[in-house]
Amino acid sequence: MRPLVVIPAVEPTSVFAALARALSGDGPAILPSDSLLSNTSPSGLPAEVENRVALVIETSGSTGNPKRVALSADAVLASAAASDSALGGPGQWLLSLPVHYVAGINVLVRSLAAQTEPVMLAPGHFEPSEFAAAALRMDADRRYTSVVPAQLATLLEAADADVGILEQLRRFDGILVGGQATRPELVERALELGLSLTRTYGSSETSGGCVYDGVPIGAARARLRDGELQLSGPMLAEGYLGDPARTDASFTVDDGMRWYRTGDTGTVSDGVVSVTGRLDGLIISGGVKVSLDEVERVVRTLAGLSDAVVVRASSARWGEVPVVITTGTAQLDTLRADVAAALGRAAAPAVVVTVDELPMLASGKPDRVALARLASSSDR
């Protein structure tokens, strides 16, 4: 066994130093936490973990259900090696994400693997001008960064108004974007501006992104079983800390190969992965299965609704119904007709809730727990 210590994520330089010791085996395993206090441990956290565990990532996900993902040094370093190979070689990284999320800690892991010093943005509100100033300080031959879609959108808007920001974005040999689905128009605009953008897919359970632009990287493999995408490779987590039941439910062994059950739906065709939604994004409305992800995809193509999120709500008549939450405006009758034409009458949203600002998690994903509360209080 080895000790497990909590490191405040607001001190990324301290996390970087502790991570180096954890991966080398010279120090305790670490859990980067969004707590401001180093002596404040999350509830129920053990004092020790198995020797092979070097890193624990705690996440509540976008739908609740907190979990602590236990990762070995071998797993995260395998992820870093696969990423380097896919991107064209090791380089210097700019950290713009919180390090208590796997995408942020991966920037530090890849920096350690490449033996380069990361340039770090101060935690807090994301500012394109500060991002560009940090990029200007990078001095390696190859430059990389990782962002979430909301940050990418902010950077693209700033680049349209400031050629200096655009020049710095074009200096990157790779800009990874993941954490949630990236709108096609964002990808198209980034490519139009000449940015080296790579869409990633993965999770804490796979040491972060292990599928780049639809293609598994390194030794990662993808398959479809019973409509669910599953991932395999040396970057898989050990499991969930202190939760063997959840570990057994999420990881399976088939012919000696261990697989992670993502809970996502999609396709795998000629080795190319396409994610279409979540298995738990299905509702039964009036006896008909409806994919909330499909409804959301259709709604976001409509004028003024590109930020829309679709969640479930209970209905005395239909059992469950889709509810659209957006900062835009829409006529419900028109919206229902458009969705029904694409997906059938059962998929037509029952309500449109307009808000000033969508509740978001620190990872940049919509806070679907808060959104579900908004939906449950809406008039259906």
Protein backbone atom coordinates (compact mmCIF):
# COMPACT_ATOMS: atom_id res chain seq x y z
CA MET A 1 0.00 0.00 0.00
CA ARG A 2 1.02 3.63 -0.47
CA PRO A 3 -0.31 6.86 1.05
CA LEU A 4 -2.92 8.94 -0.78
CA VAL A 5 -2.75 12.72 -0.35
CA VAL A 6 -5.06 15.51 -1.50
CA ILE A 7 -3.48 18.39 -3.43
CA PRO A 8 -5.50 21.60 -4.04
CA ALA A 9 -6.07 22.06 -7.76
CA VAL A 10 -5.80 25.84 -7.34
CA GLU A 11 -2.05 25.23 -6.94
CA PRO A 12 -1.19 23.58 -10.30
CA THR A 13 2.56 23.95 -9.75
CA SER A 14 2.23 21.96 -6.51
CA VAL A 15 0.14 19.36 -8.31
CA PHE A 16 2.81 19.13 -11.02
CA ALA A 17 5.56 18.49 -8.48
CA ALA A 18 3.48 15.96 -6.53
CA LEU A 19 2.43 14.22 -9.75
CA ALA A 20 6.06 13.78 -10.77
CA ARG A 21 6.79 12.04 -7.46
CA ALA A 22 3.64 9.92 -7.68
CA LEU A 23 4.40 8.67 -11.19
CA SER A 24 8.03 7.90 -10.37
CA GLY A 25 7.04 6.00 -7.22
CA ASP A 26 9.07 8.34 -4.99
CA GLY A 27 5.99 9.94 -3.45
CA PRO A 28 2.43 9.17 -2.40
CA ALA A 29 -0.49 8.78 -4.77
CA ILE A 30 -2.38 12.03 -5.25
CA LEU A 31 -5.94 13.23 -5.65
CA PRO A 32 -6.09 16.76 -7.11
CA SER A 33 -9.09 18.45 -5.48
CA ASP A 34 -11.02 21.63 -6.19
CA SER A 35 -10.93 22.29 -2.44
CA LEU A 36 -8.90 25.34 -1.44
CA LEU A 37 -7.50 23.59 1.62
CA SER A 38 -4.86 20.88 1.49
CA ASN A 39 -6.04 19.47 4.83
CA THR A 40 -9.62 19.07 3.65
CA SER A 41 -10.13 15.52 2.41
CA PRO A 42 -13.23 14.47 0.49
CA SER A 43 -15.61 12.39 2.57
CA GLY A 44 -14.74 8.71 2.83
CA LEU A 45 -11.32 9.01 1.21
CA PRO A 46 -8.93 6.23 2.33
CA ALA A 47 -5.53 7.10 3.72
CA GLU A 48 -3.85 4.47 1.55
CA VAL A 49 -4.33 2.89 -1.87
CA GLU A 50 -2.84 -0.07 -3.72
CA ASN A 51 0.80 0.45 -4.71
CA ARG A 52 -0.06 0.45 -8.41
CA VAL A 53 -2.43 3.45 -8.02
CA ALA A 54 -0.62 6.75 -8.59
CA LEU A 55 -3.49 9.12 -9.34
CA VAL A 56 -7.14 9.41 -8.32
CA ILE A 57 -9.54 11.60 -10.27
CA GLU A 58 -12.78 12.46 -8.51
CA THR A 59 -15.71 13.41 -10.68
CA SER A 60 -19.40 13.93 -10.17
CA GLY A 61 -20.04 13.70 -13.91
CA SER A 62 -22.72 15.82 -15.59
CA THR A 63 -25.55 13.73 -14.15
CA GLY A 64 -24.39 13.32 -10.54
CA ASN A 65 -23.22 9.92 -9.28
CA PRO A 66 -19.80 10.88 -7.81
CA LYS A 67 -16.97 8.45 -8.48
CA ARG A 68 -13.23 8.21 -7.80
CA VAL A 69 -11.26 6.80 -10.69
CA ALA A 70 -8.02 5.06 -9.71
CA LEU A 71 -5.25 5.29 -12.33
CA SER A 72 -1.83 3.66 -12.41
CA ALA A 73 1.35 5.38 -13.57
CA ASP A 74 1.53 2.86 -16.42
CA ALA A 75 -1.97 3.82 -17.60
CA VAL A 76 -1.47 7.58 -17.71
CA LEU A 77 2.01 7.29 -19.23
CA ALA A 78 0.65 4.92 -21.90
CA SER A 79 -1.95 7.57 -22.66
CA ALA A 80 0.76 10.23 -22.94
CA ALA A 81 2.86 8.08 -25.27
CA ALA A 82 -0.13 7.36 -27.50
CA SER A 83 -0.99 11.05 -27.63
CA ASP A 84 2.58 12.04 -28.53
CA SER A 85 2.59 9.50 -31.36
CA ALA A 86 -0.79 10.63 -32.69
CA LEU A 87 0.17 14.32 -32.59
CA GLY A 88 3.55 13.86 -34.26
CA GLY A 89 5.91 13.91 -31.30
CA PRO A 90 6.38 15.30 -27.78
CA GLY A 91 6.27 19.03 -27.15
CA GLN A 92 5.50 21.79 -24.69
CA TRP A 93 1.97 22.13 -23.31
CA LEU A 94 -0.14 25.09 -22.25
CA LEU A 95 -2.41 24.30 -19.30
CA SER A 96 -5.80 26.01 -19.55
CA LEU A 97 -7.98 23.46 -17.72
CA PRO A 98 -8.45 22.68 -14.02
CA VAL A 99 -6.07 19.93 -12.94
CA HIS A 100 -8.66 18.06 -10.89
CA TYR A 101 -10.18 17.00 -14.23
CA VAL A 102 -8.47 14.33 -16.30
CA ALA A 103 -7.95 16.63 -19.31
CA GLY A 104 -6.08 19.12 -17.13
CA ILE A 105 -3.95 16.56 -15.30
CA ASN A 106 -3.12 14.97 -18.67
CA VAL A 107 -1.40 18.19 -19.73
CA LEU A 108 0.88 17.77 -16.73
CA VAL A 109 1.42 14.05 -17.37
CA ARG A 110 2.37 14.71 -21.00
CA SER A 111 4.73 17.49 -19.92
CA LEU A 112 6.48 15.11 -17.52
CA ALA A 113 6.70 12.42 -20.19
CA ALA A 114 8.14 14.91 -22.69
CA GLN A 115 10.44 16.44 -20.05
CA THR A 116 9.16 19.90 -20.88
CA GLU A 117 7.97 22.67 -18.58
CA PRO A 118 4.26 23.42 -19.04
CA VAL A 119 3.08 27.01 -19.29
CA MET A 120 0.16 27.37 -16.88
CA LEU A 121 -2.75 29.75 -16.92
CA ALA A 122 -3.86 30.90 -13.49
CA PRO A 123 -6.99 29.06 -12.34
CA GLY A 124 -10.19 31.04 -12.66
CA HIS A 125 -12.07 32.82 -15.41
CA PHE A 126 -10.80 31.96 -18.90
CA GLU A 127 -9.57 35.00 -20.84
CA PRO A 128 -8.40 34.69 -24.49
CA SER A 129 -5.91 37.54 -24.04
CA GLU A 130 -4.26 35.73 -21.13
CA PHE A 131 -4.24 32.50 -23.14
CA ALA A 132 -2.49 34.28 -26.03
CA ALA A 133 0.04 35.89 -23.67
CA ALA A 134 0.82 32.47 -22.17
CA ALA A 135 1.20 30.97 -25.65
CA LEU A 136 3.72 33.68 -26.47
CA ARG A 137 5.92 32.41 -23.62
CA MET A 138 6.17 28.92 -25.12
CA ASP A 139 9.59 28.27 -26.61
CA ALA A 140 9.57 24.61 -27.73
CA ASP A 141 9.57 23.47 -31.34
CA ARG A 142 6.20 21.78 -30.89
CA ARG A 143 3.33 23.38 -28.95
CA TYR A 144 0.12 21.83 -27.70
CA THR A 145 -2.89 22.71 -25.60
CA SER A 146 -6.17 21.15 -24.52
CA VAL A 147 -9.49 22.98 -24.22
CA VAL A 148 -13.19 22.28 -23.81
CA PRO A 149 -15.70 23.42 -26.47
CA ALA A 150 -16.78 26.48 -24.49
CA GLN A 151 -13.17 27.69 -24.37
CA LEU A 152 -12.73 26.98 -28.06
CA ALA A 153 -15.81 29.07 -28.87
CA THR A 154 -14.47 31.93 -26.75
CA LEU A 155 -11.06 31.74 -28.46
CA LEU A 156 -12.58 31.73 -31.94
CA GLU A 157 -14.70 34.78 -31.16
CA ALA A 158 -11.63 36.58 -29.84
CA ALA A 159 -9.55 35.53 -32.84
CA ASP A 160 -12.10 37.09 -35.19
CA ALA A 161 -11.55 40.42 -33.45
CA ASP A 162 -7.83 40.22 -32.62
CA VAL A 163 -5.27 39.05 -35.17
CA GLY A 164 -2.69 38.67 -32.39
CA ILE A 165 -4.78 35.99 -30.71
CA LEU A 166 -5.29 34.28 -34.07
CA GLU A 167 -1.53 34.25 -34.69
CA GLN A 168 -0.89 32.57 -31.34
CA LEU A 169 -3.59 29.95 -31.99
CA ARG A 170 -2.01 29.14 -35.34
CA ARG A 171 1.34 28.49 -33.62
CA PHE A 172 -0.03 25.40 -31.93
CA ASP A 173 0.83 22.07 -33.53
CA GLY A 174 -2.18 20.56 -31.81
CA ILE A 175 -5.26 21.96 -30.07
CA LEU A 176 -7.17 19.13 -28.42
CA VAL A 177 -10.85 19.71 -27.79
CA GLY A 178 -13.00 17.30 -25.83
CA GLY A 179 -15.01 16.85 -22.69
CA GLN A 180 -18.32 16.92 -24.55
CA ALA A 181 -19.62 17.00 -28.11
CA THR A 182 -18.13 19.85 -30.14
CA ARG A 183 -20.57 21.60 -32.43
CA PRO A 184 -19.70 21.03 -36.13
CA GLU A 185 -19.74 24.75 -36.83
CA LEU A 186 -17.01 25.30 -34.21
CA VAL A 187 -14.82 22.66 -35.83
CA GLU A 188 -15.44 24.10 -39.29
CA ARG A 189 -14.60 27.64 -38.15
CA ALA A 190 -11.40 26.49 -36.44
CA LEU A 191 -10.26 24.71 -39.59
CA GLU A 192 -11.17 27.72 -41.73
CA LEU A 193 -8.89 29.84 -39.53
CA GLY A 194 -6.04 27.38 -40.07
CA LEU A 195 -5.95 25.87 -36.58
CA SER A 196 -4.60 22.38 -35.93
CA LEU A 197 -7.68 21.07 -34.14
CA THR A 198 -8.12 17.50 -32.91
CA ARG A 199 -11.41 16.24 -31.44
CA THR A 200 -10.87 13.79 -28.61
CA TYR A 201 -13.08 11.16 -27.01
CA GLY A 202 -12.46 9.38 -23.75
CA SER A 203 -13.00 9.75 -20.02
CA SER A 204 -11.23 9.53 -16.69
CA GLU A 205 -11.63 5.75 -16.95
CA THR A 206 -9.47 5.77 -20.11
CA SER A 207 -6.87 8.25 -18.77
CA GLY A 208 -8.58 10.91 -20.89
CA GLY A 209 -8.94 11.02 -24.65
CA CYS A 210 -7.92 7.80 -26.38
CA VAL A 211 -9.81 8.37 -29.64
CA TYR A 212 -8.63 11.26 -31.84
CA ASP A 213 -10.89 12.44 -34.64
CA GLY A 214 -12.70 9.12 -34.45
CA VAL A 215 -9.59 6.92 -34.55
CA PRO A 216 -8.28 5.04 -31.45
CA ILE A 217 -4.70 6.06 -30.70
CA GLY A 218 -1.76 3.90 -29.68
CA ALA A 219 -2.90 0.48 -28.48
CA ALA A 220 -6.45 1.66 -27.75
CA ARG A 221 -9.26 -0.36 -29.31
CA ALA A 222 -12.98 0.29 -29.71
CA ARG A 223 -15.93 -2.02 -30.27
CA LEU A 224 -19.72 -2.01 -30.14
CA ARG A 225 -21.56 -4.46 -27.89
CA ASP A 226 -25.33 -4.43 -27.48
CA GLY A 227 -25.45 -0.89 -28.81
CA GLU A 228 -22.78 0.36 -26.37
CA LEU A 229 -19.32 1.68 -27.23
CA GLN A 230 -16.55 -0.08 -25.31
CA LEU A 231 -12.87 0.87 -25.13
CA SER A 232 -9.76 -1.17 -24.37
CA GLY A 233 -6.05 -0.54 -24.03
CA PRO A 234 -3.19 -0.03 -21.55
CA MET A 235 -4.62 3.37 -20.56
CA LEU A 236 -7.63 1.88 -18.75
CA ALA A 237 -8.14 2.74 -15.08
CA GLU A 238 -7.77 0.19 -12.30
CA GLY A 239 -11.37 0.87 -11.38
CA TYR A 240 -13.26 2.96 -8.84
CA LEU A 241 -11.71 3.55 -5.46
CA GLY A 242 -13.60 1.71 -2.73
CA ASP A 243 -16.42 0.73 -5.10
CA PRO A 244 -15.91 -2.81 -6.43
CA ALA A 245 -19.55 -3.13 -7.51
CA ARG A 246 -19.28 -0.12 -9.80
CA THR A 247 -15.91 -1.35 -11.06
CA ASP A 248 -17.38 -4.75 -11.97
CA ALA A 249 -20.33 -3.07 -13.70
CA SER A 250 -18.15 -0.72 -15.79
CA PHE A 251 -15.20 -2.96 -16.71
CA THR A 252 -15.44 -6.37 -18.32
CA VAL A 253 -12.94 -8.99 -19.54
CA ASP A 254 -13.49 -10.75 -22.86
CA ASP A 255 -10.99 -13.34 -24.19
CA GLY A 256 -8.34 -11.99 -21.85
CA MET A 257 -8.83 -8.36 -22.92
CA ARG A 258 -10.22 -5.82 -20.49
CA TRP A 259 -12.86 -3.38 -21.75
CA TYR A 260 -14.44 -0.22 -20.34
CA ARG A 261 -18.18 0.13 -20.88
CA THR A 262 -18.62 3.80 -21.79
CA GLY A 263 -22.41 3.99 -21.53
CA ASP A 264 -22.35 5.77 -24.89
CA THR A 265 -24.13 4.72 -28.05
CA GLY A 266 -22.50 4.94 -31.45
CA THR A 267 -20.92 3.07 -34.31
CA VAL A 268 -17.53 1.56 -35.10
CA SER A 269 -17.03 1.25 -38.84
CA ASP A 270 -13.66 0.35 -40.40
CA GLY A 271 -12.01 1.30 -37.12
CA VAL A 272 -13.61 4.75 -36.99
CA VAL A 273 -15.66 5.59 -33.90
CA SER A 274 -18.74 7.79 -34.01
CA VAL A 275 -20.59 8.68 -30.81
CA THR A 276 -24.33 9.24 -31.14
CA GLY A 277 -25.51 9.63 -27.55
CA ARG A 278 -25.91 8.04 -24.15
CA LEU A 279 -27.62 4.80 -23.26
CA ASP A 280 -29.05 6.58 -20.23
CA GLY A 281 -30.25 9.39 -22.52
CA LEU A 282 -33.27 7.31 -23.47
CA ILE A 283 -36.76 7.99 -22.16
CA ILE A 284 -40.06 6.25 -22.72
CA SER A 285 -42.67 8.82 -23.74
CA GLY A 286 -46.14 7.49 -24.34
CA GLY A 287 -44.70 4.00 -24.73
CA VAL A 288 -42.16 5.10 -27.37
CA LYS A 289 -38.38 5.16 -26.85
CA VAL A 290 -36.96 8.63 -27.40
CA SER A 291 -33.25 9.56 -27.43
CA LEU A 292 -32.74 12.91 -25.72
CA ASP A 293 -29.38 13.17 -27.50
CA GLU A 294 -31.10 12.90 -30.88
CA VAL A 295 -33.67 15.51 -29.87
CA GLU A 296 -30.87 17.81 -28.70
CA ARG A 297 -29.00 17.30 -31.97
CA VAL A 298 -32.04 18.33 -34.02
CA VAL A 299 -32.91 21.29 -31.78
CA ARG A 300 -29.37 22.68 -32.00
CA THR A 301 -29.60 22.88 -35.78
CA LEU A 302 -32.48 25.36 -35.49
CA ALA A 303 -31.88 29.10 -35.60
CA GLY A 304 -30.94 30.63 -32.26
CA LEU A 305 -30.84 27.33 -30.39
CA SER A 306 -27.23 26.20 -30.85
CA ASP A 307 -26.67 26.12 -27.07
CA ALA A 308 -29.87 24.19 -26.27
CA VAL A 309 -29.75 21.30 -23.82
CA VAL A 310 -32.49 18.69 -23.73
CA VAL A 311 -33.32 16.92 -20.47
CA ARG A 312 -36.07 14.66 -19.24
CA ALA A 313 -39.05 15.63 -17.10
CA SER A 314 -41.88 13.62 -15.61
CA SER A 315 -45.30 13.85 -17.20
CA ALA A 316 -48.55 12.55 -15.69
CA ARG A 317 -49.84 11.82 -19.20
CA TRP A 318 -46.80 10.57 -21.10
CA GLY A 319 -44.53 9.22 -18.36
CA GLU A 320 -41.51 11.28 -19.44
CA VAL A 321 -41.08 14.08 -21.96
CA PRO A 322 -38.17 16.07 -23.46
CA VAL A 323 -37.70 19.63 -22.19
CA VAL A 324 -35.53 22.16 -24.03
CA ILE A 325 -33.49 24.64 -21.97
CA THR A 326 -31.74 27.44 -23.83
CA THR A 327 -30.64 31.06 -23.70
CA GLY A 328 -32.36 31.56 -27.05
CA THR A 329 -36.03 31.90 -27.87
CA ALA A 330 -38.30 29.66 -29.88
CA GLN A 331 -41.97 29.17 -30.61
CA LEU A 332 -42.92 25.88 -29.01
CA ASP A 333 -45.37 24.87 -31.76
CA THR A 334 -42.78 25.43 -34.49
CA LEU A 335 -40.09 23.64 -32.50
CA ARG A 336 -42.33 20.67 -31.84
CA ALA A 337 -43.22 20.42 -35.52
CA ASP A 338 -39.55 20.51 -36.60
CA VAL A 339 -38.52 17.82 -34.10
CA ALA A 340 -41.55 15.66 -34.87
CA ALA A 341 -40.78 15.83 -38.59
CA ALA A 342 -37.24 14.58 -37.94
CA LEU A 343 -37.76 12.08 -35.12
CA GLY A 344 -41.48 11.40 -34.70
CA ARG A 345 -44.24 12.87 -32.53
CA ALA A 346 -43.08 11.25 -29.28
CA ALA A 347 -39.79 13.17 -29.53
CA ALA A 348 -41.45 16.59 -29.72
CA PRO A 349 -40.39 18.71 -26.69
CA ALA A 350 -43.11 19.49 -24.20
CA VAL A 351 -41.68 22.81 -23.02
CA VAL A 352 -39.03 25.38 -23.90
CA VAL A 353 -37.40 26.99 -20.85
CA THR A 354 -35.46 30.20 -21.55
CA VAL A 355 -32.71 31.16 -19.11
CA ASP A 356 -30.23 34.02 -18.97
CA GLU A 357 -27.32 31.61 -18.59
CA LEU A 358 -27.03 27.84 -18.72
CA PRO A 359 -25.69 26.28 -15.51
CA MET A 360 -22.30 24.72 -16.27
CA LEU A 361 -19.81 22.50 -14.50
CA ALA A 362 -16.21 23.63 -14.11
CA SER A 363 -15.30 21.14 -16.85
CA GLY A 364 -17.33 23.15 -19.38
CA LYS A 365 -20.13 20.60 -19.58
CA PRO A 366 -23.77 21.53 -18.94
CA ASP A 367 -24.80 20.85 -15.36
CA ARG A 368 -27.57 18.41 -16.16
CA VAL A 369 -28.52 17.98 -12.52
CA ALA A 370 -29.30 21.69 -12.24
CA LEU A 371 -30.98 21.63 -15.65
CA ALA A 372 -33.16 18.72 -14.60
CA ARG A 373 -34.31 20.75 -11.61
CA LEU A 374 -35.26 23.59 -13.95
CA ALA A 375 -37.14 21.17 -16.15
CA SER A 376 -39.00 19.61 -13.22
CA SER A 377 -40.29 23.04 -12.17
CA SER A 378 -41.47 23.97 -15.67
CA ASP A 379 -45.13 23.96 -16.68
CA ARG A 380 -45.91 20.82 -18.71
